[in-house]
Amino acid sequence: MALLEDKGLQNGFTTLRLETGTRQLEAIALYKSLGYRRIPAFGEYVSDPFSVCYEKDLSPQKRSQ
């Protein structure tokens, strides 16, 4: 995940968003432990009741917290 976040920053992204399933408890725990916060579903996931979406601000001051 750190590599993915670093690549995002290198490519000018300030936010990283991701999706997982409601039954993927290990993924949800990992994302939360890495500072991702739950957000409303986006894109093709809006109508999927089994999707949960997360977001993390990649700005340097947020990453160091």
Protein backbone atom coordinates (compact mmCIF):
# COMPACT_ATOMS: atom_id res chain seq x y z
CA MET A 1 0.00 0.00 0.00
CA ALA A 2 2.88 2.38 0.74
CA LEU A 3 4.21 1.84 -2.78
CA LEU A 4 0.75 2.52 -4.24
CA GLU A 5 0.46 5.71 -2.21
CA ASP A 6 3.97 6.82 -3.22
CA LYS A 7 3.18 6.18 -6.90
CA GLY A 8 -0.02 8.19 -6.51
CA LEU A 9 1.91 11.14 -5.13
CA GLN A 10 4.55 10.86 -7.87
CA ASN A 11 1.77 11.04 -10.44
CA GLY A 12 0.17 14.13 -8.88
CA PHE A 13 -2.68 12.53 -6.97
CA THR A 14 -3.64 14.05 -3.63
CA THR A 15 -6.33 11.51 -2.73
CA LEU A 16 -6.50 7.76 -3.06
CA ARG A 17 -9.89 6.03 -3.15
CA LEU A 18 -10.59 2.34 -3.08
CA GLU A 19 -13.42 -0.16 -2.85
CA THR A 20 -13.81 -3.52 -1.22
CA GLY A 21 -16.65 -5.83 -0.33
CA THR A 22 -18.61 -5.89 2.91
CA ARG A 23 -17.38 -9.45 3.57
CA GLN A 24 -13.70 -8.55 3.13
CA LEU A 25 -13.14 -7.89 6.82
CA GLU A 26 -9.36 -8.21 6.63
CA ALA A 27 -9.20 -5.61 3.84
CA ILE A 28 -11.46 -3.25 5.77
CA ALA A 29 -9.29 -3.61 8.89
CA LEU A 30 -6.13 -3.00 6.84
CA TYR A 31 -7.49 0.12 5.17
CA LYS A 32 -8.65 1.55 8.49
CA SER A 33 -5.29 0.80 10.12
CA LEU A 34 -3.56 2.69 7.30
CA GLY A 35 -5.65 5.81 7.82
CA TYR A 36 -8.33 5.36 5.18
CA ARG A 37 -11.77 6.66 6.10
CA ARG A 38 -15.07 5.33 4.85
CA ILE A 39 -16.79 7.44 2.22
CA PRO A 40 -20.03 7.14 0.24
CA ALA A 41 -19.89 4.71 -2.65
CA PHE A 42 -18.70 6.17 -5.94
CA GLY A 43 -18.86 5.31 -9.62
CA GLU A 44 -20.08 1.86 -10.50
CA TYR A 45 -20.27 0.95 -6.80
CA VAL A 46 -23.11 3.38 -5.93
CA SER A 47 -25.83 0.81 -6.47
CA ASP A 48 -23.91 -2.16 -5.05
CA PRO A 49 -25.06 -2.93 -1.49
CA PHE A 50 -21.98 -5.12 -0.94
CA SER A 51 -19.43 -2.40 -1.70
CA VAL A 52 -17.70 -0.21 0.84
CA CYS A 53 -15.46 2.65 -0.23
CA TYR A 54 -12.54 4.33 1.49
CA GLU A 55 -10.40 7.39 0.92
CA LYS A 56 -7.06 8.74 2.14
CA ASP A 57 -5.60 12.21 1.78
CA LEU A 58 -2.07 11.78 0.42
CA SER A 59 -0.85 15.29 1.15
CA PRO A 60 2.49 15.14 2.99
CA GLN A 61 1.20 16.74 6.22
CA LYS A 62 -1.62 14.15 6.41
CA ARG A 63 0.71 11.20 5.72
CA SER A 64 3.00 12.05 8.63
CA GLN A 65 0.18 11.95 11.20
